[in-house]
């Protein structure tokens, strides 16, 4: 018979194995009985600077799903910051619970106290399920927060900058595949038309792309139809559409065995995090199928660039200017992937890891 003590030991052992596999620095479990707060902060790597990553609030099915999410997201932030040339490390936080029911001033201020206790090793920001108002509350407990409203000197909504970076990454891929980065006439399907996806549609329509949209939110779809006369595709039929570019901008892991087998596009370039269900398997599958994949942690880095700019006195023009570098970096990744005959995700990882290793050798203080 397995005792409770043995079960706890086994659980801790498995967690440490996961932390060791990708060399995480720290994971913090936070709870507050008075407010009902349950949160996890994961700090992956701070070689290049303090870990910066948003706080996601989601009603996870269980704690294990929350741990898996925060670990994947925090590691992704390390690579996103590194490949974007930012002096930041990678970290992320998740709060377990329904954001429509649990959030309050006291709730978010308590979370801010946990962030403050990390003494600047982690800087938080807005993410799914949290808002600029939540960042205001967190800011009452700690200065280690960005994504504040413009009236407080922050950058406000980062989604336009995120969408701009995705748009530029998409254009760099088009240059490689079609010989021109002009997207006029190209058939693009945007899955997920929330804040980022909606702005991406705007960029595409203005360039003359033929845009289709898909989303679980019917109101969002209706807005896209009304505003842009975009075509609507059922979610169950997204991956079988005859299109030029697929832009996943909703949940992650949409690129898997089943979906890749159905794809009829030449390019995948979207804003969603962790699009590859399994990096090594599905990045290779896309390559073998002749589909050019724009690594998500690169082309969706506009949001991180936006809040990074906030750390030094926010200016939207500077943020957009920094995001423009995504085009050139995407081209560099494509060229490296061709030279070494490796998937683009692997080329992107290699470039990010080389920067972390180089900076790590000189042991910079932040």
Protein backbone atom coordinates (compact mmCIF):
# COMPACT_ATOMS: atom_id res chain seq x y z
CA UNK A 1 0.00 0.00 0.00
CA UNK A 2 1.30 3.47 -0.95
CA UNK A 3 1.22 5.93 1.94
CA UNK A 4 0.41 9.64 1.67
CA UNK A 5 4.03 10.47 2.54
CA UNK A 6 5.28 8.26 -0.30
CA UNK A 7 2.88 9.88 -2.76
CA UNK A 8 4.11 13.35 -1.78
CA UNK A 9 7.73 12.27 -2.18
CA UNK A 10 7.02 10.80 -5.62
CA UNK A 11 5.24 13.98 -6.72
CA UNK A 12 8.16 16.16 -5.58
CA UNK A 13 10.61 13.85 -7.35
CA UNK A 14 8.73 14.11 -10.65
CA UNK A 15 8.59 17.91 -10.36
CA UNK A 16 12.33 18.16 -9.71
CA UNK A 17 12.95 15.95 -12.75
CA UNK A 18 10.97 18.38 -14.90
CA UNK A 19 12.82 21.38 -13.47
CA UNK A 20 16.17 19.69 -14.10
CA UNK A 21 15.32 18.66 -17.68
CA UNK A 22 15.15 22.27 -18.89
CA UNK A 23 17.25 23.83 -16.11
CA UNK A 24 14.62 25.94 -14.35
CA UNK A 25 15.95 28.16 -11.57
CA UNK A 26 12.96 28.43 -9.28
CA UNK A 27 9.27 27.62 -8.89
CA UNK A 28 7.20 29.32 -6.20
CA UNK A 29 3.81 28.11 -4.96
CA UNK A 30 1.67 30.89 -3.49
CA UNK A 31 -1.52 30.58 -1.44
CA UNK A 32 -3.57 32.90 0.71
CA UNK A 33 -6.48 31.56 2.71
CA UNK A 34 -8.11 34.94 3.30
CA UNK A 35 -8.55 35.77 -0.42
CA UNK A 36 -8.54 32.23 -1.81
CA UNK A 37 -5.50 32.99 -3.97
CA UNK A 38 -3.65 30.01 -5.47
CA UNK A 39 -0.79 30.91 -7.80
CA UNK A 40 2.46 29.55 -9.21
CA UNK A 41 5.46 31.60 -10.33
CA UNK A 42 8.09 29.85 -12.47
CA UNK A 43 11.47 31.45 -13.12
CA UNK A 44 13.30 29.66 -15.90
CA UNK A 45 16.50 31.61 -16.57
CA UNK A 46 17.82 35.01 -15.47
CA UNK A 47 21.19 35.03 -17.26
CA UNK A 48 20.24 38.02 -19.41
CA UNK A 49 18.30 39.91 -16.74
CA UNK A 50 15.30 39.62 -14.42
CA UNK A 51 12.60 37.19 -15.53
CA UNK A 52 9.68 39.03 -17.10
CA UNK A 53 6.43 37.35 -18.02
CA UNK A 54 2.73 37.94 -17.63
CA UNK A 55 0.38 36.55 -15.04
CA UNK A 56 -2.20 34.26 -16.59
CA UNK A 57 -5.42 33.59 -14.66
CA UNK A 58 -7.29 30.52 -15.81
CA UNK A 59 -9.69 27.99 -14.32
CA UNK A 60 -7.38 24.98 -14.74
CA UNK A 61 -8.86 21.54 -14.33
CA UNK A 62 -6.22 20.69 -11.76
CA UNK A 63 -2.93 21.88 -10.30
CA UNK A 64 -0.93 19.60 -12.57
CA UNK A 65 -2.26 21.38 -15.67
CA UNK A 66 -1.33 24.71 -14.10
CA UNK A 67 2.22 23.53 -13.39
CA UNK A 68 2.62 22.25 -16.94
CA UNK A 69 1.39 25.55 -18.36
CA UNK A 70 3.56 27.81 -16.22
CA UNK A 71 6.68 25.76 -16.92
CA UNK A 72 6.18 25.79 -20.69
CA UNK A 73 5.32 29.47 -20.72
CA UNK A 74 8.26 30.56 -18.56
CA UNK A 75 10.76 28.68 -20.71
CA UNK A 76 9.21 30.24 -23.79
CA UNK A 77 9.76 33.70 -22.28
CA UNK A 78 13.48 32.97 -21.87
CA UNK A 79 13.82 32.20 -25.56
CA UNK A 80 11.54 35.08 -26.57
CA UNK A 81 13.63 37.63 -24.69
CA UNK A 82 16.94 36.16 -25.83
CA UNK A 83 16.16 36.01 -29.53
CA UNK A 84 14.61 39.49 -29.45
CA UNK A 85 17.84 40.98 -28.08
CA UNK A 86 16.27 42.08 -24.79
CA UNK A 87 18.12 42.22 -21.49
CA UNK A 88 15.55 40.02 -19.79
CA UNK A 89 15.23 36.49 -18.52
CA UNK A 90 12.24 34.20 -18.71
CA UNK A 91 9.52 33.76 -16.12
CA UNK A 92 5.76 33.42 -15.91
CA UNK A 93 2.98 33.20 -13.35
CA UNK A 94 -0.39 31.50 -13.34
CA UNK A 95 -3.28 32.05 -10.96
CA UNK A 96 -5.64 29.10 -10.60
CA UNK A 97 -9.29 30.14 -10.75
CA UNK A 98 -12.05 31.78 -12.76
CA UNK A 99 -11.08 35.43 -13.36
CA UNK A 100 -14.76 36.37 -13.66
CA UNK A 101 -15.51 35.20 -10.13
CA UNK A 102 -12.45 35.46 -7.91
CA UNK A 103 -10.61 38.66 -8.71
CA UNK A 104 -10.75 41.62 -6.35
CA UNK A 105 -8.45 44.39 -5.21
CA UNK A 106 -7.39 42.38 -2.15
CA UNK A 107 -6.82 39.27 -4.28
CA UNK A 108 -4.50 41.00 -6.75
CA UNK A 109 -2.70 43.03 -4.09
CA UNK A 110 -1.94 39.79 -2.26
CA UNK A 111 -0.48 38.34 -5.42
CA UNK A 112 1.60 41.50 -5.72
CA UNK A 113 3.07 40.77 -2.29
CA UNK A 114 4.30 37.39 -3.51
CA UNK A 115 5.91 39.11 -6.52
CA UNK A 116 7.53 41.65 -4.19
CA UNK A 117 9.00 38.85 -2.07
CA UNK A 118 11.11 37.78 -5.06
CA UNK A 119 13.04 41.08 -4.81
CA UNK A 120 13.00 41.93 -8.50
CA UNK A 121 13.95 38.52 -9.85
CA UNK A 122 10.47 38.37 -11.39
CA UNK A 123 8.61 41.21 -13.11
CA UNK A 124 4.97 40.54 -13.85
CA UNK A 125 2.61 41.87 -16.52
CA UNK A 126 -0.80 41.35 -18.08
CA UNK A 127 -1.75 38.05 -19.72
CA UNK A 128 -4.86 35.98 -20.44
CA UNK A 129 -7.39 36.52 -17.67
CA UNK A 130 -5.71 39.64 -16.25
CA UNK A 131 -6.05 43.30 -17.16
CA UNK A 132 -4.28 46.62 -16.84
CA UNK A 133 -6.57 47.30 -13.87
CA UNK A 134 -5.22 44.17 -12.20
CA UNK A 135 -1.70 45.48 -12.81
CA UNK A 136 -2.71 48.68 -11.01
CA UNK A 137 -3.72 46.65 -7.95
CA UNK A 138 -0.52 44.59 -8.10
CA UNK A 139 1.45 47.82 -8.35
CA UNK A 140 0.06 48.81 -4.94
CA UNK A 141 2.14 45.96 -3.46
CA UNK A 142 5.20 45.97 -5.71
CA UNK A 143 7.08 48.06 -8.26
CA UNK A 144 8.03 44.89 -10.14
CA UNK A 145 5.14 45.13 -12.58
CA UNK A 146 4.69 46.47 -16.12
CA UNK A 147 1.71 46.67 -18.45
CA UNK A 148 0.28 49.57 -16.47
CA UNK A 149 -2.31 51.95 -17.94
CA UNK A 150 -1.00 54.82 -20.04
CA UNK A 151 -2.29 57.32 -17.48
CA UNK A 152 0.21 55.81 -15.02
CA UNK A 153 3.09 56.02 -17.48
CA UNK A 154 2.67 52.48 -18.75
CA UNK A 155 2.24 51.11 -22.24
CA UNK A 156 -1.41 50.15 -21.89
CA UNK A 157 -2.70 47.45 -24.22
CA UNK A 158 0.31 45.67 -25.84
CA UNK A 159 -1.75 43.81 -28.45
CA UNK A 160 -1.16 46.25 -31.34
CA UNK A 161 2.61 45.81 -30.97
CA UNK A 162 2.25 42.03 -30.67
CA UNK A 163 0.12 41.91 -33.81
CA UNK A 164 2.60 44.11 -35.68
CA UNK A 165 5.42 41.69 -34.90
CA UNK A 166 3.36 38.71 -36.07
CA UNK A 167 2.50 40.59 -39.26
CA UNK A 168 6.19 41.32 -39.94
CA UNK A 169 7.21 37.72 -39.23
CA UNK A 170 4.51 36.59 -41.64
CA UNK A 171 5.84 38.96 -44.31
CA UNK A 172 9.39 37.65 -43.84
CA UNK A 173 8.09 34.11 -44.40
CA UNK A 174 6.18 35.25 -47.49
CA UNK A 175 9.40 36.74 -48.87
CA UNK A 176 11.05 33.33 -48.56
CA UNK A 177 8.17 31.29 -49.99
CA UNK A 178 6.79 33.61 -52.68
CA UNK A 179 9.78 35.83 -53.47
CA UNK A 180 7.94 38.92 -52.24
CA UNK A 181 6.68 40.00 -48.85
CA UNK A 182 3.59 41.61 -50.36
CA UNK A 183 0.56 39.85 -48.86
CA UNK A 184 -1.97 41.37 -51.25
CA UNK A 185 -4.22 38.60 -52.58
CA UNK A 186 -2.82 35.98 -50.21
CA UNK A 187 -5.41 33.79 -48.48
CA UNK A 188 -4.83 34.03 -44.73
CA UNK A 189 -6.84 32.26 -42.04
CA UNK A 190 -6.61 33.84 -38.59
CA UNK A 191 -7.74 31.47 -35.85
CA UNK A 192 -8.57 33.51 -32.77
CA UNK A 193 -9.64 37.12 -33.32
CA UNK A 194 -9.32 38.54 -29.83
CA UNK A 195 -7.13 41.55 -29.14
CA UNK A 196 -4.03 40.38 -31.01
CA UNK A 197 -5.84 38.45 -33.73
CA UNK A 198 -8.17 41.37 -34.36
CA UNK A 199 -5.28 43.80 -34.85
CA UNK A 200 -3.55 41.26 -37.10
CA UNK A 201 -6.65 41.09 -39.30
CA UNK A 202 -6.55 44.88 -39.58
CA UNK A 203 -2.92 44.85 -40.78
CA UNK A 204 -3.70 42.10 -43.30
CA UNK A 205 -6.84 43.71 -44.69
CA UNK A 206 -5.05 47.01 -45.18
CA UNK A 207 -2.45 45.22 -47.29
CA UNK A 208 -5.11 43.56 -49.42
CA UNK A 209 -4.94 40.01 -48.07
CA UNK A 210 -7.99 37.78 -48.41
CA UNK A 211 -8.77 37.04 -44.78
CA UNK A 212 -10.83 34.28 -43.20
CA UNK A 213 -11.43 34.06 -39.46
CA UNK A 214 -12.37 31.43 -36.89
CA UNK A 215 -13.12 31.81 -33.21
CA UNK A 216 -15.19 30.25 -30.44
CA UNK A 217 -16.50 33.74 -29.65
CA UNK A 218 -19.41 34.48 -31.99
CA UNK A 219 -19.45 38.17 -31.09
CA UNK A 220 -15.82 38.53 -32.12
CA UNK A 221 -16.55 36.81 -35.43
CA UNK A 222 -19.54 39.05 -36.09
CA UNK A 223 -17.36 42.09 -35.49
CA UNK A 224 -14.79 40.87 -38.04
CA UNK A 225 -17.51 40.23 -40.61
CA UNK A 226 -19.12 43.61 -40.02
CA UNK A 227 -15.88 45.58 -39.97
CA UNK A 228 -13.86 43.78 -42.65
CA UNK A 229 -16.31 41.53 -44.51
CA UNK A 230 -14.05 38.61 -43.53
CA UNK A 231 -15.06 35.05 -44.34
CA UNK A 232 -15.92 32.77 -41.42
CA UNK A 233 -14.63 29.20 -41.04
CA UNK A 234 -15.95 26.66 -38.54
CA UNK A 235 -13.36 25.76 -35.90
CA UNK A 236 -13.65 22.08 -36.74
CA UNK A 237 -12.65 22.80 -40.35
CA UNK A 238 -9.80 25.25 -39.81
CA UNK A 239 -6.95 22.89 -40.64
CA UNK A 240 -8.40 21.57 -43.89
CA UNK A 241 -8.80 24.93 -45.64
CA UNK A 242 -7.02 25.56 -48.94
CA UNK A 243 -5.10 28.70 -47.92
CA UNK A 244 -1.68 30.31 -48.22
CA UNK A 245 -1.07 31.18 -44.57
CA UNK A 246 -2.44 29.78 -41.32
CA UNK A 247 -2.23 32.17 -38.35
CA UNK A 248 -3.02 30.44 -35.03
CA UNK A 249 -3.74 33.24 -32.54
CA UNK A 250 -5.74 31.41 -29.87
CA UNK A 251 -4.70 28.46 -27.72
CA UNK A 252 -1.42 26.57 -28.05
CA UNK A 253 -0.73 23.03 -29.27
CA UNK A 254 -2.88 23.43 -32.40
CA UNK A 255 -0.05 21.95 -34.48
CA UNK A 256 -0.15 18.23 -33.78
CA UNK A 257 -0.25 14.90 -35.61
CA UNK A 258 -3.87 15.30 -36.68
CA UNK A 259 -3.87 18.97 -37.68
CA UNK A 260 -0.56 18.96 -39.57
CA UNK A 261 -1.73 16.02 -41.66
CA UNK A 262 -4.68 18.14 -42.82
CA UNK A 263 -2.88 21.43 -43.47
CA UNK A 264 -2.97 22.78 -47.03
CA UNK A 265 -0.98 25.97 -46.47
CA UNK A 266 2.58 27.08 -47.24
CA UNK A 267 3.21 29.12 -44.10
CA UNK A 268 2.25 28.93 -40.43
CA UNK A 269 2.73 32.27 -38.67
CA UNK A 270 0.60 33.24 -35.69
CA UNK A 271 0.53 34.81 -32.25
CA UNK A 272 -0.39 31.82 -30.06
CA UNK A 273 2.21 30.56 -27.59
CA UNK A 274 3.50 26.97 -27.77
CA UNK A 275 1.84 26.17 -31.09
CA UNK A 276 3.80 22.95 -31.54
CA UNK A 277 2.25 20.24 -29.38
CA UNK A 278 5.69 18.59 -29.34
CA UNK A 279 8.59 20.71 -30.62
CA UNK A 280 10.80 17.91 -31.90
CA UNK A 281 8.01 15.90 -33.52
CA UNK A 282 5.79 18.56 -35.00
CA UNK A 283 8.47 21.04 -36.00
CA UNK A 284 10.03 18.23 -38.05
CA UNK A 285 6.64 17.25 -39.50
CA UNK A 286 6.02 20.77 -40.78
CA UNK A 287 9.47 20.87 -42.35
CA UNK A 288 8.99 17.52 -44.08
CA UNK A 289 5.64 18.66 -45.40
CA UNK A 290 7.24 21.77 -46.90
CA UNK A 291 5.41 24.21 -44.63
CA UNK A 292 7.45 27.16 -43.38
CA UNK A 293 6.87 27.69 -39.67
CA UNK A 294 7.57 31.06 -38.03
CA UNK A 295 8.67 30.26 -34.45
CA UNK A 296 5.93 31.64 -32.23
CA UNK A 297 8.18 32.90 -29.45
CA UNK A 298 9.92 35.16 -31.96
CA UNK A 299 7.11 36.68 -33.97
CA UNK A 300 4.77 37.15 -30.99
CA UNK A 301 7.48 38.95 -29.00
CA UNK A 302 5.94 42.37 -29.64
CA UNK A 303 4.06 42.27 -26.34
CA UNK A 304 7.28 41.58 -24.45
CA UNK A 305 9.06 44.30 -26.40
CA UNK A 306 6.25 46.68 -25.47
CA UNK A 307 6.52 46.11 -21.73
CA UNK A 308 10.33 46.05 -21.88
CA UNK A 309 10.14 49.55 -23.34
CA UNK A 310 8.01 50.51 -20.34
CA UNK A 311 10.90 49.70 -18.01
CA UNK A 312 12.89 52.57 -19.50
CA UNK A 313 10.18 55.21 -19.93
CA UNK A 314 7.42 54.11 -22.28
CA UNK A 315 7.19 55.34 -25.86
CA UNK A 316 4.92 53.55 -28.35
CA UNK A 317 7.00 54.64 -31.35
CA UNK A 318 10.12 53.12 -29.79
CA UNK A 319 8.23 49.89 -29.07
CA UNK A 320 7.00 49.62 -32.65
CA UNK A 321 10.48 50.40 -33.94
CA UNK A 322 12.00 47.63 -31.84
CA UNK A 323 9.32 45.23 -33.05
CA UNK A 324 10.39 45.89 -36.64
CA UNK A 325 13.54 43.86 -35.95
CA UNK A 326 11.35 40.73 -35.93
CA UNK A 327 11.36 40.79 -39.73
CA UNK A 328 15.17 40.59 -39.98
CA UNK A 329 15.51 38.00 -37.20
CA UNK A 330 12.88 35.81 -38.89
CA UNK A 331 14.89 35.97 -42.10
CA UNK A 332 18.04 35.00 -40.18
CA UNK A 333 16.32 32.00 -38.65
CA UNK A 334 15.02 30.86 -42.02
CA UNK A 335 18.51 31.11 -43.52
CA UNK A 336 20.10 29.19 -40.63
CA UNK A 337 17.45 26.47 -40.91
CA UNK A 338 18.19 26.08 -44.62
CA UNK A 339 21.97 26.06 -44.12
CA UNK A 340 21.83 23.34 -41.47
CA UNK A 341 18.78 21.53 -42.85
CA UNK A 342 16.95 21.79 -39.52
CA UNK A 343 13.42 22.91 -38.60
CA UNK A 344 12.99 26.63 -38.01
CA UNK A 345 12.06 26.13 -34.35
CA UNK A 346 15.41 24.43 -33.81
CA UNK A 347 17.26 27.24 -35.58
CA UNK A 348 15.47 29.78 -33.38
CA UNK A 349 16.30 27.83 -30.23
CA UNK A 350 19.93 27.65 -31.28
CA UNK A 351 20.20 31.40 -31.83
CA UNK A 352 18.59 32.14 -28.47
CA UNK A 353 20.77 29.63 -26.62
CA UNK A 354 23.94 31.01 -28.21
CA UNK A 355 23.15 34.49 -26.90
CA UNK A 356 22.37 33.20 -23.40
CA UNK A 357 25.59 31.18 -23.34
CA UNK A 358 27.70 34.10 -24.57
CA UNK A 359 26.30 36.57 -22.05
CA UNK A 360 26.43 33.98 -19.29
CA UNK A 361 30.21 33.68 -19.71
CA UNK A 362 30.75 37.33 -18.83
CA UNK A 363 28.41 37.13 -15.83
CA UNK A 364 26.66 40.48 -16.19
CA UNK A 365 24.87 41.90 -13.16
CA UNK A 366 21.43 43.34 -13.62
